[in-house]
Amino acid sequence: MKVGRRTVFMVILAALAALVLYLALRNPQASLLPADETHAGMVIIQECMSCHGPDEGAPQGPNHPISRQCMSCHSR
């Protein structure tokens, strides 16, 4: 059975679309910093961890990646 160029093109296009969809869904975007007085001007990890540390009032969730670079994911 001979496979035409159009069929090959459609298969490649479908594979690329599936790859883009997979990459978009596997890495959800982090939440933005709240636009409130508490979070205004925060730029260093110690400021974040003073509330979001493991023994603080609003600790990071159990599924939060282990990272100490808050602003690389969370922004305004």
PDB file of N, CA and C in Angstrom:
ATOM      1  N   MET A   1       0.841  -1.180   0.000  1.00  0.00           N
ATOM      2  CA  MET A   1       0.000   0.000   0.000  1.00  0.00           C
ATOM      3  C   MET A   1       0.885   1.242   0.000  1.00  0.00           C
ATOM      4  N   LYS A   2       0.614   2.109  -0.927  1.00  0.00           N
ATOM      5  CA  LYS A   2       1.396   3.325  -1.063  1.00  0.00           C
ATOM      6  C   LYS A   2       0.756   4.443  -0.230  1.00  0.00           C
ATOM      7  N   VAL A   3       1.587   5.124   0.562  1.00  0.00           N
ATOM      8  CA  VAL A   3       1.113   6.226   1.399  1.00  0.00           C
ATOM      9  C   VAL A   3       1.466   7.526   0.697  1.00  0.00           C
ATOM     10  N   GLY A   4       0.469   8.367   0.521  1.00  0.00           N
ATOM     11  CA  GLY A   4       0.686   9.622  -0.188  1.00  0.00           C
ATOM     12  C   GLY A   4       1.335  10.696   0.682  1.00  0.00           C
ATOM     13  N   ARG A   5       1.836  11.712   0.014  1.00  0.00           N
ATOM     14  CA  ARG A   5       2.473  12.828   0.718  1.00  0.00           C
ATOM     15  C   ARG A   5       1.497  13.533   1.654  1.00  0.00           C
ATOM     16  N   ARG A   6       0.281  13.676   1.195  1.00  0.00           N
ATOM     17  CA  ARG A   6      -0.722  14.364   2.005  1.00  0.00           C
ATOM     18  C   ARG A   6      -0.989  13.610   3.297  1.00  0.00           C
ATOM     19  N   THR A   7      -1.047  12.295   3.251  1.00  0.00           N
ATOM     20  CA  THR A   7      -1.269  11.480   4.441  1.00  0.00           C
ATOM     21  C   THR A   7      -0.103  11.630   5.417  1.00  0.00           C
ATOM     22  N   VAL A   8       1.117  11.592   4.907  1.00  0.00           N
ATOM     23  CA  VAL A   8       2.305  11.762   5.755  1.00  0.00           C
ATOM     24  C   VAL A   8       2.280  13.144   6.404  1.00  0.00           C
ATOM     25  N   PHE A   9       1.953  14.165   5.626  1.00  0.00           N
ATOM     26  CA  PHE A   9       1.875  15.517   6.157  1.00  0.00           C
ATOM     27  C   PHE A   9       0.838  15.617   7.268  1.00  0.00           C
ATOM     28  N   MET A  10      -0.319  15.039   7.092  1.00  0.00           N
ATOM     29  CA  MET A  10      -1.377  15.081   8.095  1.00  0.00           C
ATOM     30  C   MET A  10      -0.969  14.342   9.374  1.00  0.00           C
ATOM     31  N   VAL A  11      -0.276  13.225   9.247  1.00  0.00           N
ATOM     32  CA  VAL A  11       0.181  12.474  10.420  1.00  0.00           C
ATOM     33  C   VAL A  11       1.207  13.293  11.194  1.00  0.00           C
ATOM     34  N   ILE A  12       2.135  13.912  10.480  1.00  0.00           N
ATOM     35  CA  ILE A  12       3.139  14.756  11.140  1.00  0.00           C
ATOM     36  C   ILE A  12       2.478  15.948  11.816  1.00  0.00           C
ATOM     37  N   LEU A  13       1.539  16.570  11.164  1.00  0.00           N
ATOM     38  CA  LEU A  13       0.814  17.703  11.729  1.00  0.00           C
ATOM     39  C   LEU A  13       0.048  17.294  12.987  1.00  0.00           C
ATOM     40  N   ALA A  14      -0.601  16.149  12.958  1.00  0.00           N
ATOM     41  CA  ALA A  14      -1.335  15.659  14.125  1.00  0.00           C
ATOM     42  C   ALA A  14      -0.384  15.350  15.282  1.00  0.00           C
ATOM     43  N   ALA A  15       0.773  14.780  14.977  1.00  0.00           N
ATOM     44  CA  ALA A  15       1.762  14.480  16.015  1.00  0.00           C
ATOM     45  C   ALA A  15       2.292  15.764  16.650  1.00  0.00           C
ATOM     46  N   LEU A  16       2.547  16.778  15.846  1.00  0.00           N
ATOM     47  CA  LEU A  16       3.008  18.058  16.388  1.00  0.00           C
ATOM     48  C   LEU A  16       1.938  18.709  17.248  1.00  0.00           C
ATOM     49  N   ALA A  17       0.691  18.643  16.809  1.00  0.00           N
ATOM     50  CA  ALA A  17      -0.400  19.207  17.599  1.00  0.00           C
ATOM     51  C   ALA A  17      -0.529  18.479  18.944  1.00  0.00           C
ATOM     52  N   ALA A  18      -0.396  17.173  18.929  1.00  0.00           N
ATOM     53  CA  ALA A  18      -0.459  16.395  20.174  1.00  0.00           C
ATOM     54  C   ALA A  18       0.702  16.756  21.094  1.00  0.00           C
ATOM     55  N   LEU A  19       1.880  16.953  20.551  1.00  0.00           N
ATOM     56  CA  LEU A  19       3.045  17.324  21.345  1.00  0.00           C
ATOM     57  C   LEU A  19       2.852  18.697  21.988  1.00  0.00           C
ATOM     58  N   VAL A  20       2.371  19.655  21.223  1.00  0.00           N
ATOM     59  CA  VAL A  20       2.128  21.001  21.753  1.00  0.00           C
ATOM     60  C   VAL A  20       1.082  20.944  22.866  1.00  0.00           C
ATOM     61  N   LEU A  21       0.030  20.202  22.669  1.00  0.00           N
ATOM     62  CA  LEU A  21      -1.011  20.063  23.685  1.00  0.00           C
ATOM     63  C   LEU A  21      -0.458  19.418  24.950  1.00  0.00           C
ATOM     64  N   TYR A  22       0.325  18.378  24.801  1.00  0.00           N
ATOM     65  CA  TYR A  22       0.928  17.704  25.956  1.00  0.00           C
ATOM     66  C   TYR A  22       1.831  18.668  26.728  1.00  0.00           C
ATOM     67  N   LEU A  23       2.676  19.408  26.043  1.00  0.00           N
ATOM     68  CA  LEU A  23       3.586  20.329  26.712  1.00  0.00           C
ATOM     69  C   LEU A  23       2.839  21.464  27.405  1.00  0.00           C
ATOM     70  N   ALA A  24       1.752  21.906  26.817  1.00  0.00           N
ATOM     71  CA  ALA A  24       0.969  22.981  27.415  1.00  0.00           C
ATOM     72  C   ALA A  24       0.241  22.519  28.676  1.00  0.00           C
ATOM     73  N   LEU A  25      -0.188  21.277  28.706  1.00  0.00           N
ATOM     74  CA  LEU A  25      -0.973  20.788  29.846  1.00  0.00           C
ATOM     75  C   LEU A  25      -0.134  20.210  30.976  1.00  0.00           C
ATOM     76  N   ARG A  26       1.083  19.807  30.706  1.00  0.00           N
ATOM     77  CA  ARG A  26       1.870  19.163  31.753  1.00  0.00           C
ATOM     78  C   ARG A  26       2.504  20.149  32.718  1.00  0.00           C
ATOM     79  N   ASN A  27       2.602  21.406  32.355  1.00  0.00           N
ATOM     80  CA  ASN A  27       3.254  22.395  33.196  1.00  0.00           C
ATOM     81  C   ASN A  27       2.329  23.584  33.419  1.00  0.00           C
ATOM     82  N   PRO A  28       1.401  23.452  34.364  1.00  0.00           N
ATOM     83  CA  PRO A  28       0.473  24.556  34.588  1.00  0.00           C
ATOM     84  C   PRO A  28       1.200  25.804  35.079  1.00  0.00           C
ATOM     85  N   GLN A  29       0.697  26.935  34.708  1.00  0.00           N
ATOM     86  CA  GLN A  29       1.320  28.191  35.088  1.00  0.00           C
ATOM     87  C   GLN A  29       1.091  28.459  36.568  1.00  0.00           C
ATOM     88  N   ALA A  30       2.107  28.954  37.239  1.00  0.00           N
ATOM     89  CA  ALA A  30       2.008  29.300  38.655  1.00  0.00           C
ATOM     90  C   ALA A  30       1.099  30.510  38.821  1.00  0.00           C
ATOM     91  N   SER A  31       0.535  30.611  40.010  1.00  0.00           N
ATOM     92  CA  SER A  31      -0.344  31.740  40.280  1.00  0.00           C
ATOM     93  C   SER A  31       0.462  33.034  40.387  1.00  0.00           C
ATOM     94  N   LEU A  32      -0.190  34.125  40.104  1.00  0.00           N
ATOM     95  CA  LEU A  32       0.436  35.435  40.202  1.00  0.00           C
ATOM     96  C   LEU A  32       0.463  35.871  41.658  1.00  0.00           C
ATOM     97  N   LEU A  33       1.381  36.774  41.974  1.00  0.00           N
ATOM     98  CA  LEU A  33       1.387  37.352  43.314  1.00  0.00           C
ATOM     99  C   LEU A  33       0.138  38.200  43.483  1.00  0.00           C
ATOM    100  N   PRO A  34      -0.488  38.138  44.635  1.00  0.00           N
ATOM    101  CA  PRO A  34      -1.652  39.002  44.861  1.00  0.00           C
ATOM    102  C   PRO A  34      -1.236  40.476  44.809  1.00  0.00           C
ATOM    103  N   ALA A  35      -2.106  41.293  44.298  1.00  0.00           N
ATOM    104  CA  ALA A  35      -1.837  42.733  44.216  1.00  0.00           C
ATOM    105  C   ALA A  35      -2.344  43.410  45.482  1.00  0.00           C
ATOM    106  N   ASP A  36      -1.752  43.029  46.611  1.00  0.00           N
ATOM    107  CA  ASP A  36      -2.156  43.622  47.876  1.00  0.00           C
ATOM    108  C   ASP A  36      -0.948  44.212  48.590  1.00  0.00           C
ATOM    109  N   GLU A  37      -1.208  44.866  49.705  1.00  0.00           N
ATOM    110  CA  GLU A  37      -0.151  45.539  50.464  1.00  0.00           C
ATOM    111  C   GLU A  37       0.889  44.559  51.003  1.00  0.00           C
ATOM    112  N   THR A  38       0.454  43.373  51.384  1.00  0.00           N
ATOM    113  CA  THR A  38       1.369  42.374  51.946  1.00  0.00           C
ATOM    114  C   THR A  38       2.427  41.941  50.935  1.00  0.00           C
ATOM    115  N   HIS A  39       2.042  41.774  49.684  1.00  0.00           N
ATOM    116  CA  HIS A  39       2.949  41.255  48.664  1.00  0.00           C
ATOM    117  C   HIS A  39       3.638  42.347  47.838  1.00  0.00           C
ATOM    118  N   ALA A  40       3.294  43.594  48.069  1.00  0.00           N
ATOM    119  CA  ALA A  40       3.875  44.697  47.307  1.00  0.00           C
ATOM    120  C   ALA A  40       5.373  44.789  47.581  1.00  0.00           C
ATOM    121  N   GLY A  41       6.165  44.812  46.537  1.00  0.00           N
ATOM    122  CA  GLY A  41       7.603  44.998  46.666  1.00  0.00           C
ATOM    123  C   GLY A  41       8.408  43.778  47.067  1.00  0.00           C
ATOM    124  N   MET A  42       7.794  42.617  47.182  1.00  0.00           N
ATOM    125  CA  MET A  42       8.539  41.410  47.558  1.00  0.00           C
ATOM    126  C   MET A  42       9.468  41.008  46.427  1.00  0.00           C
ATOM    127  N   VAL A  43      10.727  40.775  46.768  1.00  0.00           N
ATOM    128  CA  VAL A  43      11.694  40.388  45.744  1.00  0.00           C
ATOM    129  C   VAL A  43      12.648  39.285  46.190  1.00  0.00           C
ATOM    130  N   ILE A  44      12.718  38.985  47.477  1.00  0.00           N
ATOM    131  CA  ILE A  44      13.667  37.968  47.928  1.00  0.00           C
ATOM    132  C   ILE A  44      12.951  36.827  48.641  1.00  0.00           C
ATOM    133  N   ILE A  45      13.570  35.669  48.629  1.00  0.00           N
ATOM    134  CA  ILE A  45      12.988  34.446  49.159  1.00  0.00           C
ATOM    135  C   ILE A  45      12.614  34.563  50.639  1.00  0.00           C
ATOM    136  N   GLN A  46      13.411  35.268  51.427  1.00  0.00           N
ATOM    137  CA  GLN A  46      13.134  35.378  52.857  1.00  0.00           C
ATOM    138  C   GLN A  46      11.805  36.066  53.116  1.00  0.00           C
ATOM    139  N   GLU A  47      11.456  37.012  52.249  1.00  0.00           N
ATOM    140  CA  GLU A  47      10.164  37.686  52.401  1.00  0.00           C
ATOM    141  C   GLU A  47       9.021  36.709  52.148  1.00  0.00           C
ATOM    142  N   CYS A  48       9.158  35.863  51.156  1.00  0.00           N
ATOM    143  CA  CYS A  48       8.112  34.885  50.843  1.00  0.00           C
ATOM    144  C   CYS A  48       7.994  33.842  51.947  1.00  0.00           C
ATOM    145  N   MET A  49       9.142  33.319  52.368  1.00  0.00           N
ATOM    146  CA  MET A  49       9.143  32.218  53.320  1.00  0.00           C
ATOM    147  C   MET A  49       8.759  32.646  54.724  1.00  0.00           C
ATOM    148  N   SER A  50       8.734  33.950  55.001  1.00  0.00           N
ATOM    149  CA  SER A  50       8.295  34.400  56.322  1.00  0.00           C
ATOM    150  C   SER A  50       6.814  34.067  56.537  1.00  0.00           C
ATOM    151  N   CYS A  51       6.053  33.905  55.479  1.00  0.00           N
ATOM    152  CA  CYS A  51       4.646  33.473  55.573  1.00  0.00           C
ATOM    153  C   CYS A  51       4.423  32.075  54.994  1.00  0.00           C
ATOM    154  N   HIS A  52       5.190  31.726  53.957  1.00  0.00           N
ATOM    155  CA  HIS A  52       4.940  30.490  53.223  1.00  0.00           C
ATOM    156  C   HIS A  52       5.921  29.365  53.547  1.00  0.00           C
ATOM    157  N   GLY A  53       6.708  29.533  54.594  1.00  0.00           N
ATOM    158  CA  GLY A  53       7.606  28.477  55.048  1.00  0.00           C
ATOM    159  C   GLY A  53       6.816  27.330  55.663  1.00  0.00           C
ATOM    160  N   PRO A  54       7.442  26.175  55.888  1.00  0.00           N
ATOM    161  CA  PRO A  54       6.725  24.985  56.368  1.00  0.00           C
ATOM    162  C   PRO A  54       6.044  25.157  57.716  1.00  0.00           C
ATOM    163  N   ASP A  55       6.572  25.987  58.581  1.00  0.00           N
ATOM    164  CA  ASP A  55       5.992  26.169  59.917  1.00  0.00           C
ATOM    165  C   ASP A  55       5.309  27.508  60.083  1.00  0.00           C
ATOM    166  N   GLU A  56       4.956  28.152  58.981  1.00  0.00           N
ATOM    167  CA  GLU A  56       4.345  29.483  59.029  1.00  0.00           C
ATOM    168  C   GLU A  56       2.829  29.408  58.810  1.00  0.00           C
ATOM    169  N   GLY A  57       2.182  30.551  58.817  1.00  0.00           N
ATOM    170  CA  GLY A  57       0.730  30.620  58.747  1.00  0.00           C
ATOM    171  C   GLY A  57       0.106  30.196  57.433  1.00  0.00           C
ATOM    172  N   ALA A  58       0.828  30.354  56.325  1.00  0.00           N
ATOM    173  CA  ALA A  58       0.307  29.998  55.001  1.00  0.00           C
ATOM    174  C   ALA A  58       1.363  29.196  54.246  1.00  0.00           C
ATOM    175  N   PRO A  59       1.662  27.961  54.711  1.00  0.00           N
ATOM    176  CA  PRO A  59       2.735  27.188  54.081  1.00  0.00           C
ATOM    177  C   PRO A  59       2.406  26.798  52.640  1.00  0.00           C
ATOM    178  N   GLN A  60       3.469  26.518  51.884  1.00  0.00           N
ATOM    179  CA  GLN A  60       3.284  26.031  50.514  1.00  0.00           C
ATOM    180  C   GLN A  60       2.534  24.707  50.563  1.00  0.00           C
ATOM    181  N   GLY A  61       1.765  24.414  49.528  1.00  0.00           N
ATOM    182  CA  GLY A  61       0.992  23.180  49.462  1.00  0.00           C
ATOM    183  C   GLY A  61       1.885  21.951  49.325  1.00  0.00           C
ATOM    184  N   PRO A  62       1.332  20.781  49.573  1.00  0.00           N
ATOM    185  CA  PRO A  62       2.121  19.550  49.510  1.00  0.00           C
ATOM    186  C   PRO A  62       2.630  19.215  48.103  1.00  0.00           C
ATOM    187  N   ASN A  63       1.995  19.733  47.075  1.00  0.00           N
ATOM    188  CA  ASN A  63       2.429  19.470  45.693  1.00  0.00           C
ATOM    189  C   ASN A  63       3.311  20.569  45.130  1.00  0.00           C
ATOM    190  N   HIS A  64       3.665  21.548  45.955  1.00  0.00           N
ATOM    191  CA  HIS A  64       4.510  22.643  45.481  1.00  0.00           C
ATOM    192  C   HIS A  64       5.919  22.121  45.245  1.00  0.00           C
ATOM    193  N   PRO A  65       6.523  22.436  44.105  1.00  0.00           N
ATOM    194  CA  PRO A  65       7.895  21.972  43.846  1.00  0.00           C
ATOM    195  C   PRO A  65       8.863  22.566  44.867  1.00  0.00           C
ATOM    196  N   ILE A  66       9.899  21.815  45.164  1.00  0.00           N
ATOM    197  CA  ILE A  66      10.927  22.306  46.083  1.00  0.00           C
ATOM    198  C   ILE A  66      11.778  23.301  45.309  1.00  0.00           C
ATOM    199  N   SER A  67      11.626  24.557  45.640  1.00  0.00           N
ATOM    200  CA  SER A  67      12.356  25.609  44.949  1.00  0.00           C
ATOM    201  C   SER A  67      12.475  26.801  45.869  1.00  0.00           C
ATOM    202  N   ARG A  68      13.539  27.479  45.756  1.00  0.00           N
ATOM    203  CA  ARG A  68      13.746  28.689  46.540  1.00  0.00           C
ATOM    204  C   ARG A  68      13.930  29.881  45.611  1.00  0.00           C
ATOM    205  N   GLN A  69      13.256  29.843  44.474  1.00  0.00           N
ATOM    206  CA  GLN A  69      13.301  30.931  43.507  1.00  0.00           C
ATOM    207  C   GLN A  69      11.876  31.335  43.182  1.00  0.00           C
ATOM    208  N   CYS A  70      11.187  31.885  44.169  1.00  0.00           N
ATOM    209  CA  CYS A  70       9.758  32.178  44.038  1.00  0.00           C
ATOM    210  C   CYS A  70       9.426  33.021  42.802  1.00  0.00           C
ATOM    211  N   MET A  71      10.220  34.052  42.554  1.00  0.00           N
ATOM    212  CA  MET A  71       9.890  34.984  41.486  1.00  0.00           C
ATOM    213  C   MET A  71      10.143  34.421  40.089  1.00  0.00           C
ATOM    214  N   SER A  72      10.783  33.254  39.989  1.00  0.00           N
ATOM    215  CA  SER A  72      10.954  32.676  38.664  1.00  0.00           C
ATOM    216  C   SER A  72       9.650  32.072  38.159  1.00  0.00           C
ATOM    217  N   CYS A  73       8.732  31.731  39.059  1.00  0.00           N
ATOM    218  CA  CYS A  73       7.413  31.204  38.656  1.00  0.00           C
ATOM    219  C   CYS A  73       6.287  32.192  38.971  1.00  0.00           C
ATOM    220  N   HIS A  74       6.333  32.785  40.142  1.00  0.00           N
ATOM    221  CA  HIS A  74       5.283  33.704  40.572  1.00  0.00           C
ATOM    222  C   HIS A  74       5.700  35.118  40.236  1.00  0.00           C
ATOM    223  N   SER A  75       4.837  35.821  39.544  1.00  0.00           N
ATOM    224  CA  SER A  75       5.150  37.204  39.153  1.00  0.00           C
ATOM    225  C   SER A  75       3.906  38.044  39.276  1.00  0.00           C
ATOM    226  N   ARG A  76       4.015  39.280  38.903  1.00  0.00           N
ATOM    227  CA  ARG A  76       2.868  40.199  38.970  1.00  0.00           C
ATOM    228  C   ARG A  76       2.126  40.218  37.656  1.00  0.00           C
TER     229      ARG A  76
END
